[in-house]
N, C-alpha and C. Protein backbone atom coordinates (compact mmCIF):
# COMPACT_ATOMS: atom_id res chain seq x y z
N UNK A 1 0.95 -1.30 -0.21
CA UNK A 1 0.03 0.01 0.21
C UNK A 1 1.02 0.97 -0.20
N UNK A 2 2.20 1.30 0.51
CA UNK A 2 3.00 2.36 0.66
C UNK A 2 3.57 2.49 -0.69
N UNK A 3 3.94 1.65 -1.33
CA UNK A 3 4.64 1.52 -2.50
C UNK A 3 3.84 2.62 -3.39
N UNK A 4 2.70 1.75 -3.49
CA UNK A 4 1.04 2.21 -4.48
C UNK A 4 1.00 3.86 -4.01
N UNK A 5 0.82 3.86 -2.64
CA UNK A 5 1.00 5.90 -2.39
C UNK A 5 2.04 6.44 -3.66
N UNK A 6 3.17 6.15 -2.96
CA UNK A 6 4.77 6.82 -3.41
C UNK A 6 4.50 6.70 -4.91
N UNK A 7 3.94 5.92 -5.49
CA UNK A 7 3.99 5.82 -7.03
C UNK A 7 3.07 6.63 -7.62
N UNK A 8 1.81 6.44 -7.13
CA UNK A 8 0.80 7.79 -7.41
C UNK A 8 1.26 9.50 -7.58
N UNK A 9 2.03 9.52 -5.88
CA UNK A 9 2.34 10.90 -5.61
C UNK A 9 3.46 11.55 -6.55
N UNK A 10 4.62 10.52 -7.31
CA UNK A 10 5.35 10.60 -7.83
C UNK A 10 4.99 11.08 -9.17
N UNK A 11 4.09 9.78 -9.75
CA UNK A 11 3.47 10.09 -11.06
C UNK A 11 2.68 11.55 -11.39
N UNK A 12 1.99 11.69 -10.43
CA UNK A 12 0.97 12.69 -10.66
C UNK A 12 1.04 13.64 -10.06
N UNK A 13 1.73 13.83 -8.81
CA UNK A 13 2.34 15.07 -8.04
C UNK A 13 0.72 15.54 -7.31
N UNK A 14 -0.04 14.29 -6.76
CA UNK A 14 -1.42 14.59 -6.25
C UNK A 14 -0.83 15.20 -4.62
N UNK A 15 -1.33 16.57 -4.40
CA UNK A 15 -0.83 16.78 -3.15
C UNK A 15 -2.26 16.71 -1.95
N UNK A 16 -3.54 16.81 -2.72
CA UNK A 16 -4.44 16.50 -2.11
C UNK A 16 -5.12 14.99 -1.37
N UNK A 17 -5.36 15.18 0.12
CA UNK A 17 -5.35 13.74 0.09
C UNK A 17 -6.77 13.11 0.12
N UNK A 18 -7.75 13.40 -0.33
CA UNK A 18 -9.25 13.26 -1.13
C UNK A 18 -8.97 12.93 -2.35
N UNK A 19 -8.14 13.60 -3.04
CA UNK A 19 -7.69 12.94 -4.22
C UNK A 19 -6.71 11.74 -4.52
N UNK A 20 -5.85 11.76 -3.62
CA UNK A 20 -5.20 10.15 -3.27
C UNK A 20 -6.31 9.19 -2.85
N UNK A 21 -6.76 9.40 -2.05
CA UNK A 21 -8.09 8.32 -1.47
C UNK A 21 -9.00 7.94 -3.09
N UNK A 22 -9.58 8.86 -3.77
CA UNK A 22 -10.21 8.65 -4.66
C UNK A 22 -9.65 7.94 -6.00
N UNK A 23 -8.01 7.87 -6.28
CA UNK A 23 -7.47 7.33 -6.90
C UNK A 23 -7.09 5.54 -6.46
N UNK A 24 -7.12 5.55 -5.44
CA UNK A 24 -6.63 4.48 -4.62
C UNK A 24 -8.28 3.64 -4.29
N UNK A 25 -9.52 3.73 -4.61
CA UNK A 25 -10.56 3.25 -4.35
C UNK A 25 -10.99 2.58 -5.93
N UNK A 26 -11.60 1.30 -5.92
CA UNK A 26 -11.64 0.55 -6.80
C UNK A 26 -12.82 1.64 -7.71
N UNK A 27 -13.02 1.54 -8.71
CA UNK A 27 -13.73 2.34 -9.69
C UNK A 27 -15.16 1.25 -10.11
N UNK A 28 -14.95 0.18 -10.01
CA UNK A 28 -16.00 -0.68 -10.68
C UNK A 28 -17.28 -0.86 -9.61
N UNK A 29 -18.41 -0.34 -10.51
CA UNK A 29 -19.70 0.08 -9.92
C UNK A 29 -20.33 -1.19 -9.45
N UNK A 30 -20.90 -1.45 -8.25
CA UNK A 30 -21.26 -2.76 -7.98
C UNK A 30 -22.73 -2.85 -8.41
N UNK A 31 -23.49 -3.98 -9.00
CA UNK A 31 -25.03 -3.89 -8.65
C UNK A 31 -25.62 -4.14 -7.59
N UNK A 32 -26.60 -3.82 -7.59
CA UNK A 32 -27.28 -4.02 -6.46
C UNK A 32 -28.79 -4.52 -6.69
N UNK A 33 -29.19 -5.38 -5.62
CA UNK A 33 -30.31 -6.21 -5.91
C UNK A 33 -31.09 -6.04 -4.36
N UNK A 34 -32.41 -5.80 -4.68
CA UNK A 34 -33.38 -5.81 -3.31
C UNK A 34 -34.70 -6.40 -3.95
N UNK A 35 -34.79 -7.69 -2.88
CA UNK A 35 -35.60 -8.41 -2.96
C UNK A 35 -36.87 -7.88 -2.73
N UNK A 36 -37.76 -8.07 -3.27
CA UNK A 36 -39.46 -6.94 -3.66
C UNK A 36 -40.22 -7.47 -1.83
N UNK A 37 -40.64 -6.96 -1.28
CA UNK A 37 -41.23 -7.33 0.06
C UNK A 37 -42.55 -8.06 -0.25
N UNK A 38 -43.06 -9.20 0.54
CA UNK A 38 -44.28 -9.68 -0.24
C UNK A 38 -43.93 -10.31 -1.42
N UNK A 39 -42.77 -11.03 -2.03
CA UNK A 39 -42.75 -11.45 -3.66
C UNK A 39 -43.37 -12.91 -3.44
N UNK A 40 -43.14 -13.26 -2.66
CA UNK A 40 -43.56 -14.90 -2.73
C UNK A 40 -45.17 -14.79 -2.85
N UNK A 41 -46.18 -13.96 -2.16
CA UNK A 41 -47.41 -13.53 -2.61
C UNK A 41 -47.96 -12.74 -3.81
N UNK A 42 -47.19 -12.15 -4.54
CA UNK A 42 -46.86 -11.11 -5.28
C UNK A 42 -48.25 -10.95 -6.22
N UNK A 43 -48.53 -12.29 -6.85
CA UNK A 43 -49.76 -12.13 -7.69
C UNK A 43 -51.13 -12.20 -6.62
N UNK A 44 -51.02 -12.95 -5.60
CA UNK A 44 -52.50 -12.75 -4.75
C UNK A 44 -52.73 -11.50 -4.43
N UNK A 45 -51.88 -10.72 -3.95
CA UNK A 45 -51.70 -9.24 -3.33
C UNK A 45 -52.16 -7.98 -3.90
N UNK A 46 -51.13 -8.28 -5.04
CA UNK A 46 -51.16 -7.14 -6.19
C UNK A 46 -52.14 -7.45 -7.34
N UNK A 47 -53.28 -6.47 -7.69
CA UNK A 47 -54.08 -6.65 -8.83
C UNK A 47 -53.29 -6.14 -9.96
N UNK A 48 -53.98 -6.62 -11.40
CA UNK A 48 -53.38 -6.60 -12.49
C UNK A 48 -53.36 -4.78 -12.59
N UNK A 49 -54.17 -4.01 -11.78
CA UNK A 49 -54.32 -2.66 -12.30
C UNK A 49 -53.23 -2.01 -11.53
N UNK A 50 -52.79 -2.78 -10.33
CA UNK A 50 -51.92 -1.97 -9.22
C UNK A 50 -50.51 -2.45 -9.48
N UNK A 51 -50.23 -3.49 -10.36
CA UNK A 51 -48.80 -3.95 -10.73
C UNK A 51 -47.90 -2.59 -11.42
N UNK A 52 -48.45 -1.94 -12.08
CA UNK A 52 -47.76 -0.44 -12.58
C UNK A 52 -47.22 0.32 -11.24
N UNK A 53 -48.02 0.56 -10.39
CA UNK A 53 -47.99 1.29 -9.63
C UNK A 53 -46.72 0.74 -8.42
N UNK A 54 -46.75 -0.78 -7.96
CA UNK A 54 -45.88 -1.35 -7.39
C UNK A 54 -44.59 -1.54 -8.08
N UNK A 55 -44.73 -1.46 -9.61
CA UNK A 55 -43.12 -1.73 -10.35
C UNK A 55 -42.99 -0.17 -10.13
N UNK A 56 -43.31 0.86 -10.11
CA UNK A 56 -43.17 2.11 -10.31
C UNK A 56 -42.64 2.20 -8.82
N UNK A 57 -42.89 2.22 -7.56
CA UNK A 57 -42.53 2.28 -6.08
C UNK A 57 -41.07 1.48 -5.81
N UNK A 58 -40.89 0.48 -6.94
CA UNK A 58 -39.75 -0.51 -6.85
C UNK A 58 -38.36 0.43 -7.52
N UNK A 59 -39.20 1.07 -8.73
CA UNK A 59 -38.16 1.73 -9.54
C UNK A 59 -37.57 3.34 -8.85
N UNK A 60 -38.31 3.55 -8.11
CA UNK A 60 -38.47 5.01 -7.61
C UNK A 60 -36.97 4.56 -6.51
N UNK A 61 -37.37 3.58 -5.82
CA UNK A 61 -35.94 3.28 -4.79
C UNK A 61 -35.01 3.08 -5.63
N UNK A 62 -34.67 2.77 -6.89
CA UNK A 62 -33.31 2.51 -7.66
C UNK A 62 -32.67 4.06 -7.63
N UNK A 63 -33.58 5.36 -7.64
CA UNK A 63 -32.88 6.41 -7.99
C UNK A 63 -32.39 6.45 -9.62
N UNK A 64 -31.10 6.67 -9.67
CA UNK A 64 -30.60 7.13 -10.98
C UNK A 64 -29.95 5.48 -11.34
N UNK A 65 -30.10 4.96 -12.51
CA UNK A 65 -29.50 3.15 -12.92
C UNK A 65 -29.38 3.27 -14.67
N UNK A 66 -28.61 2.82 -14.71
CA UNK A 66 -27.93 2.67 -16.28
C UNK A 66 -28.87 1.37 -16.75
N UNK A 67 -28.96 0.15 -15.92
CA UNK A 67 -29.48 -0.84 -16.23
C UNK A 67 -30.44 -1.51 -15.13
N UNK A 68 -31.26 -2.36 -15.34
CA UNK A 68 -32.21 -2.70 -14.17
C UNK A 68 -32.90 -4.17 -14.88
N UNK A 69 -33.21 -4.85 -13.88
CA UNK A 69 -34.00 -6.35 -14.48
C UNK A 69 -34.66 -6.60 -13.15
N UNK A 70 -35.95 -6.56 -13.43
CA UNK A 70 -37.01 -7.22 -12.17
C UNK A 70 -37.18 -8.43 -13.14
N UNK A 71 -36.97 -9.21 -11.77
CA UNK A 71 -36.53 -11.00 -11.96
C UNK A 71 -38.00 -11.44 -11.32
N UNK A 72 -38.55 -12.73 -11.65
CA UNK A 72 -39.54 -13.15 -10.42
C UNK A 72 -38.80 -14.34 -10.15
N UNK A 73 -37.77 -14.96 -10.59
CA UNK A 73 -37.26 -16.07 -10.48
C UNK A 73 -35.76 -15.87 -9.47
N UNK A 74 -35.48 -16.45 -8.51
CA UNK A 74 -34.52 -16.20 -7.11
C UNK A 74 -33.05 -16.30 -8.04
N UNK A 75 -32.96 -17.18 -9.18
CA UNK A 75 -31.67 -17.64 -9.43
C UNK A 75 -31.85 -17.85 -10.92
N UNK A 76 -31.73 -16.97 -11.96
CA UNK A 76 -31.79 -16.98 -13.32
C UNK A 76 -30.98 -18.26 -14.14
N UNK A 77 -29.47 -18.04 -13.54
CA UNK A 77 -28.62 -18.80 -14.29
C UNK A 77 -29.11 -20.42 -14.03
N UNK A 78 -29.67 -20.61 -13.05
CA UNK A 78 -29.82 -22.28 -13.03
C UNK A 78 -31.02 -22.64 -14.00
N UNK A 79 -31.51 -22.03 -14.45
CA UNK A 79 -32.82 -22.53 -15.52
C UNK A 79 -32.32 -22.61 -17.03
N UNK A 80 -33.14 -23.56 -17.97
CA UNK A 80 -32.45 -22.94 -19.10
C UNK A 80 -33.61 -21.80 -19.93
N UNK A 81 -32.67 -20.72 -20.16
CA UNK A 81 -33.70 -19.64 -20.67
C UNK A 81 -33.35 -19.00 -22.17
N UNK A 82 -34.07 -18.08 -22.69
CA UNK A 82 -33.74 -17.46 -23.91
C UNK A 82 -34.06 -16.15 -23.35
N UNK A 83 -32.99 -15.35 -23.84
CA UNK A 83 -33.00 -13.71 -23.71
C UNK A 83 -33.53 -13.16 -25.22
N UNK A 84 -34.73 -12.45 -25.31
CA UNK A 84 -35.38 -11.77 -26.39
C UNK A 84 -35.54 -10.58 -26.33
N UNK A 85 -34.88 -9.73 -27.14
CA UNK A 85 -35.31 -8.24 -27.56
C UNK A 85 -36.61 -7.83 -27.47
N UNK A 86 -37.35 -7.28 -26.89
CA UNK A 86 -38.79 -6.81 -27.10
C UNK A 86 -39.00 -5.57 -27.60
N UNK A 87 -38.44 -4.43 -27.18
CA UNK A 87 -38.96 -3.18 -27.37
C UNK A 87 -37.57 -2.24 -27.53
N UNK A 88 -37.17 -1.89 -28.68
CA UNK A 88 -36.55 -1.07 -28.78
C UNK A 88 -36.31 0.61 -28.42
N UNK A 89 -35.52 1.00 -27.81
CA UNK A 89 -35.53 2.19 -26.55
C UNK A 89 -34.99 3.46 -27.50
N UNK A 90 -35.30 4.59 -27.34
CA UNK A 90 -34.95 5.52 -28.09
C UNK A 90 -34.25 6.51 -26.73
N UNK A 91 -33.08 7.09 -27.06
CA UNK A 91 -32.33 7.98 -25.97
C UNK A 91 -32.05 9.34 -26.69
N UNK A 92 -32.14 10.31 -25.82
CA UNK A 92 -31.93 11.67 -26.16
C UNK A 92 -30.35 12.07 -26.06
N UNK A 93 -29.65 12.53 -26.80
CA UNK A 93 -28.56 13.00 -26.65
C UNK A 93 -28.45 14.68 -26.63
N UNK A 94 -27.61 14.99 -25.38
CA UNK A 94 -27.66 16.19 -24.92
C UNK A 94 -26.67 17.09 -25.86
N UNK A 95 -26.37 18.31 -25.84
CA UNK A 95 -25.36 19.06 -26.30
C UNK A 95 -23.84 18.75 -26.02
N UNK A 96 -24.22 18.23 -24.64
CA UNK A 96 -22.43 17.74 -24.26
C UNK A 96 -22.01 16.34 -24.48
N UNK A 97 -23.30 15.63 -25.34
CA UNK A 97 -22.99 14.42 -25.72
C UNK A 97 -23.45 12.81 -25.05
N UNK A 98 -23.75 13.16 -23.80
CA UNK A 98 -24.61 12.46 -22.78
C UNK A 98 -25.92 12.19 -23.19
N UNK A 99 -25.94 10.76 -23.25
CA UNK A 99 -27.32 10.16 -23.60
C UNK A 99 -28.25 10.11 -22.33
N UNK A 100 -29.55 10.55 -22.40
CA UNK A 100 -30.63 10.17 -21.52
C UNK A 100 -31.25 9.60 -21.87
N UNK A 101 -31.30 8.23 -21.05
CA UNK A 101 -32.07 6.84 -21.55
C UNK A 101 -34.06 7.59 -21.30
N UNK A 102 -34.54 6.44 -22.00
CA UNK A 102 -35.63 6.41 -22.16
C UNK A 102 -36.59 7.12 -20.67
N UNK A 103 -36.38 6.44 -19.85
CA UNK A 103 -36.61 6.32 -18.31
C UNK A 103 -36.46 7.68 -17.47
N UNK A 104 -35.76 8.35 -18.59
CA UNK A 104 -35.10 9.60 -17.56
C UNK A 104 -35.70 11.35 -18.35
N UNK A 105 -36.60 10.65 -19.45
CA UNK A 105 -36.95 11.90 -20.36
C UNK A 105 -38.10 12.69 -19.88
N UNK A 106 -38.08 13.25 -19.90
CA UNK A 106 -39.53 14.22 -19.22
C UNK A 106 -41.01 13.38 -19.51
N UNK A 107 -41.11 13.27 -20.86
CA UNK A 107 -42.49 12.47 -21.38
C UNK A 107 -42.70 11.18 -21.08
N UNK A 108 -41.52 10.37 -20.97
CA UNK A 108 -41.94 9.19 -20.48
C UNK A 108 -41.50 8.86 -19.22
N UNK A 109 -40.12 9.06 -18.58
CA UNK A 109 -39.96 8.46 -17.04
C UNK A 109 -40.24 7.39 -16.40
N UNK A 110 -40.19 7.45 -14.93
CA UNK A 110 -39.52 5.82 -14.54
C UNK A 110 -41.53 5.07 -14.59
N UNK A 111 -42.47 6.15 -14.71
CA UNK A 111 -43.42 5.63 -14.26
C UNK A 111 -44.11 4.87 -16.13
N UNK A 112 -43.60 5.69 -16.94
CA UNK A 112 -43.86 4.79 -18.08
C UNK A 112 -43.20 3.45 -18.55
N UNK A 113 -41.86 3.23 -17.55
CA UNK A 113 -41.24 2.17 -17.93
C UNK A 113 -42.05 1.15 -16.87
N UNK A 114 -42.28 1.89 -16.01
CA UNK A 114 -43.17 0.82 -14.89
C UNK A 114 -44.59 -0.15 -15.57
N UNK A 115 -45.17 0.71 -16.41
CA UNK A 115 -46.22 0.40 -17.47
C UNK A 115 -45.59 -0.29 -18.31
N UNK A 116 -44.68 -0.18 -18.71
CA UNK A 116 -43.77 -1.17 -19.86
C UNK A 116 -43.59 -2.80 -19.27
N UNK A 117 -42.81 -2.29 -18.04
CA UNK A 117 -42.71 -3.79 -17.53
C UNK A 117 -43.76 -4.76 -16.80
N UNK A 118 -44.75 -4.05 -15.90
CA UNK A 118 -46.13 -4.52 -16.23
C UNK A 118 -46.79 -4.93 -17.30
N UNK A 119 -46.96 -4.32 -18.05
CA UNK A 119 -47.34 -4.89 -19.35
C UNK A 119 -47.09 -6.28 -20.03
N UNK A 120 -45.15 -6.31 -20.02
CA UNK A 120 -44.87 -7.50 -20.43
C UNK A 120 -44.84 -8.75 -19.35
N UNK A 121 -44.86 -8.43 -18.05
CA UNK A 121 -45.34 -9.07 -17.00
C UNK A 121 -46.24 -9.65 -16.96
N UNK A 122 -47.44 -9.46 -17.16
CA UNK A 122 -48.82 -9.85 -17.07
C UNK A 122 -49.06 -10.43 -18.40
N UNK A 123 -48.65 -10.26 -19.50
CA UNK A 123 -48.72 -10.83 -20.99
C UNK A 123 -48.13 -11.83 -21.44
N UNK A 124 -46.74 -12.21 -20.78
CA UNK A 124 -45.72 -13.33 -21.01
C UNK A 124 -45.38 -13.95 -20.05
N UNK A 125 -45.06 -15.20 -20.19
CA UNK A 125 -44.60 -16.22 -19.52
C UNK A 125 -42.87 -15.95 -19.02
N UNK A 126 -42.64 -14.37 -18.39
CA UNK A 126 -41.38 -14.70 -18.03
C UNK A 126 -40.73 -14.91 -16.60
N UNK A 127 -39.46 -15.13 -17.22
CA UNK A 127 -38.53 -15.16 -15.68
C UNK A 127 -38.37 -13.80 -15.51
N UNK A 128 -38.15 -13.09 -16.10
CA UNK A 128 -37.45 -11.64 -15.97
C UNK A 128 -37.50 -10.65 -17.22
N UNK A 129 -37.28 -9.21 -16.90
CA UNK A 129 -37.71 -8.17 -17.95
C UNK A 129 -36.23 -7.77 -17.28
N UNK A 130 -35.36 -6.97 -18.54
CA UNK A 130 -34.23 -6.58 -18.62
C UNK A 130 -34.05 -5.57 -19.27
N UNK A 131 -33.78 -4.27 -18.73
CA UNK A 131 -33.98 -3.05 -19.57
C UNK A 131 -32.68 -2.48 -19.42
N UNK A 132 -31.99 -1.88 -20.57
CA UNK A 132 -30.56 -0.91 -20.56
C UNK A 132 -31.34 -0.11 -21.27
N UNK A 133 -30.08 0.87 -21.50
CA UNK A 133 -30.46 1.93 -22.13
C UNK A 133 -31.15 2.00 -23.97
N UNK A 134 -30.61 0.75 -24.31
CA UNK A 134 -30.95 0.43 -25.85
C UNK A 134 -32.57 -0.34 -25.74
N UNK A 135 -32.77 -0.89 -25.29
CA UNK A 135 -34.29 -2.01 -25.30
C UNK A 135 -34.44 -2.60 -23.79
N UNK A 136 -35.68 -3.02 -24.19
CA UNK A 136 -36.61 -3.89 -22.99
C UNK A 136 -36.42 -5.20 -23.75
N UNK A 137 -35.50 -6.04 -23.13
CA UNK A 137 -35.91 -7.47 -23.08
C UNK A 137 -36.41 -8.65 -21.92
N UNK A 138 -37.09 -9.72 -22.61
CA UNK A 138 -37.52 -10.55 -21.51
C UNK A 138 -36.73 -11.89 -21.50
N UNK A 139 -36.60 -12.39 -20.38
CA UNK A 139 -36.10 -13.66 -20.48
C UNK A 139 -37.04 -14.79 -19.73
N UNK A 140 -36.90 -15.68 -20.80
CA UNK A 140 -38.51 -16.59 -20.47
C UNK A 140 -37.85 -17.85 -20.23
N UNK A 141 -38.29 -19.15 -19.76
CA UNK A 141 -38.41 -20.29 -19.29
C UNK A 141 -38.41 -21.41 -20.49
N UNK A 142 -37.16 -21.93 -21.10
CA UNK A 142 -37.54 -22.67 -21.99
C UNK A 142 -38.41 -23.95 -21.45
N UNK A 143 -38.20 -24.31 -20.48
CA UNK A 143 -38.83 -25.48 -20.23
C UNK A 143 -40.39 -25.21 -19.60
N UNK A 144 -40.87 -24.21 -19.89
CA UNK A 144 -42.00 -23.61 -19.30
C UNK A 144 -42.73 -24.16 -17.95
N UNK A 145 -41.79 -24.87 -17.00
CA UNK A 145 -42.01 -25.34 -15.68
C UNK A 145 -41.96 -23.96 -14.67
N UNK A 146 -41.48 -22.84 -14.87
CA UNK A 146 -41.54 -21.61 -13.88
C UNK A 146 -42.85 -21.26 -13.55
N UNK A 147 -43.76 -21.13 -12.55
CA UNK A 147 -44.83 -20.61 -12.27
C UNK A 147 -44.63 -19.87 -10.53
N UNK A 148 -45.66 -19.59 -10.47
CA UNK A 148 -45.68 -18.86 -8.71
C UNK A 148 -45.34 -19.90 -7.54
N UNK A 149 -45.46 -21.13 -8.02
CA UNK A 149 -45.82 -22.20 -7.06
C UNK A 149 -44.32 -22.90 -7.02
N UNK A 150 -43.32 -22.61 -7.84
CA UNK A 150 -41.88 -22.84 -8.15
C UNK A 150 -41.46 -22.52 -6.68
N UNK A 151 -40.16 -23.73 -6.51
CA UNK A 151 -39.70 -23.07 -5.36
C UNK A 151 -38.78 -21.94 -5.54
N UNK A 152 -38.24 -21.54 -6.59
CA UNK A 152 -37.21 -20.22 -6.64
C UNK A 152 -37.88 -19.05 -6.90
N UNK A 153 -39.54 -18.89 -6.86
CA UNK A 153 -40.10 -17.67 -6.87
C UNK A 153 -39.85 -16.97 -6.00
N UNK A 154 -38.81 -16.04 -6.50
CA UNK A 154 -38.74 -14.53 -5.41
C UNK A 154 -38.48 -13.63 -6.05
N UNK A 155 -39.51 -12.96 -6.33
CA UNK A 155 -39.24 -11.38 -7.02
C UNK A 155 -38.40 -10.74 -6.46
N UNK A 156 -37.21 -9.92 -7.21
CA UNK A 156 -36.74 -8.92 -7.06
C UNK A 156 -35.93 -8.01 -7.98
N UNK A 157 -35.51 -7.15 -7.48
CA UNK A 157 -35.10 -6.17 -8.68
C UNK A 157 -33.62 -5.79 -8.55
N UNK A 158 -32.83 -5.95 -9.76
CA UNK A 158 -31.35 -5.25 -9.70
C UNK A 158 -30.83 -4.50 -10.61
N UNK A 159 -30.37 -3.51 -10.25
CA UNK A 159 -30.01 -2.45 -10.71
C UNK A 159 -28.15 -2.34 -10.88
N UNK A 160 -27.91 -1.25 -11.61
CA UNK A 160 -26.63 -0.79 -12.00
C UNK A 160 -26.69 0.72 -11.68
N UNK A 161 -26.15 1.05 -10.61
CA UNK A 161 -26.37 2.85 -10.58
C UNK A 161 -25.73 3.28 -11.51
N UNK A 162 -25.71 5.02 -11.95
CA UNK A 162 -25.06 5.62 -12.80
C UNK A 162 -23.39 5.73 -12.25
N UNK A 163 -23.59 6.06 -11.31
CA UNK A 163 -22.34 6.35 -10.81
C UNK A 163 -22.12 5.72 -9.16
N UNK A 164 -20.73 5.45 -9.17
CA UNK A 164 -20.47 4.78 -7.70
C UNK A 164 -20.94 5.69 -6.58
N UNK A 165 -21.65 5.04 -5.41
CA UNK A 165 -21.62 5.86 -4.17
C UNK A 165 -20.45 6.29 -3.77
N UNK A 166 -20.53 7.46 -3.18
CA UNK A 166 -19.01 7.86 -2.17
C UNK A 166 -18.78 7.07 -0.90
N UNK A 167 -19.88 6.42 -0.45
CA UNK A 167 -19.86 5.77 0.84
C UNK A 167 -20.29 4.05 0.50
N UNK A 168 -19.75 3.61 -0.74
CA UNK A 168 -20.37 2.10 -1.17
C UNK A 168 -19.09 1.36 -0.41
N UNK A 169 -19.38 0.21 0.29
CA UNK A 169 -18.39 -0.51 0.88
C UNK A 169 -18.06 -1.55 -0.13
N UNK A 170 -16.51 -1.45 0.16
CA UNK A 170 -15.66 -2.43 -1.06
C UNK A 170 -15.54 -3.80 -0.42
C-alpha cells in the first residue's frame, strides 16, 4: 500500500489527500439487488391494475440507474433460458454528448417504464425483464416449468447505479 501511494504521488504530483483516496479506491460499480417485500404472494396481493404502481414504487427506490432487471426467479442462471429483445428504446443526446435514457426523459419517465414492465409481465410467461439504455428484453424459461408455485419464485429488482456511491462498502 505504501509503495502504491508513493508511485501515485511521484507520477501525478497529487497533494490533496481526498484526490489520493479517490485514486486508490476501486472504480467498478457494483450491481445492487433488492428482494421485493411480500414477493412470494405477489400475484395474490397485487392486482393487475395495481402492478404498474407497485413496479413504479420499486423503480423509485433505485434512483438513477443505467440498467435494471425485474426478476420473478431467485436464480435465473440455474434455469434453461432465452433472452429476447422486445422493445427498442430511444434516447436523447444532450449538447455535451451525454445520452439520456428513455426512463429519464420528461414525457416518458419511470412511470412509463413501470407500465411497460408490468404489461410485459402480465402478458408473457417471463422469468425476468431486463432494461438497458437501448432496449427492453425478456428472459423466458425454455422448459415452461416456472410458475408462482415454484420453489425459486422470489421477485427482486437488480440495478446498476449510474455512478458509484461515495460511501459504498468495498
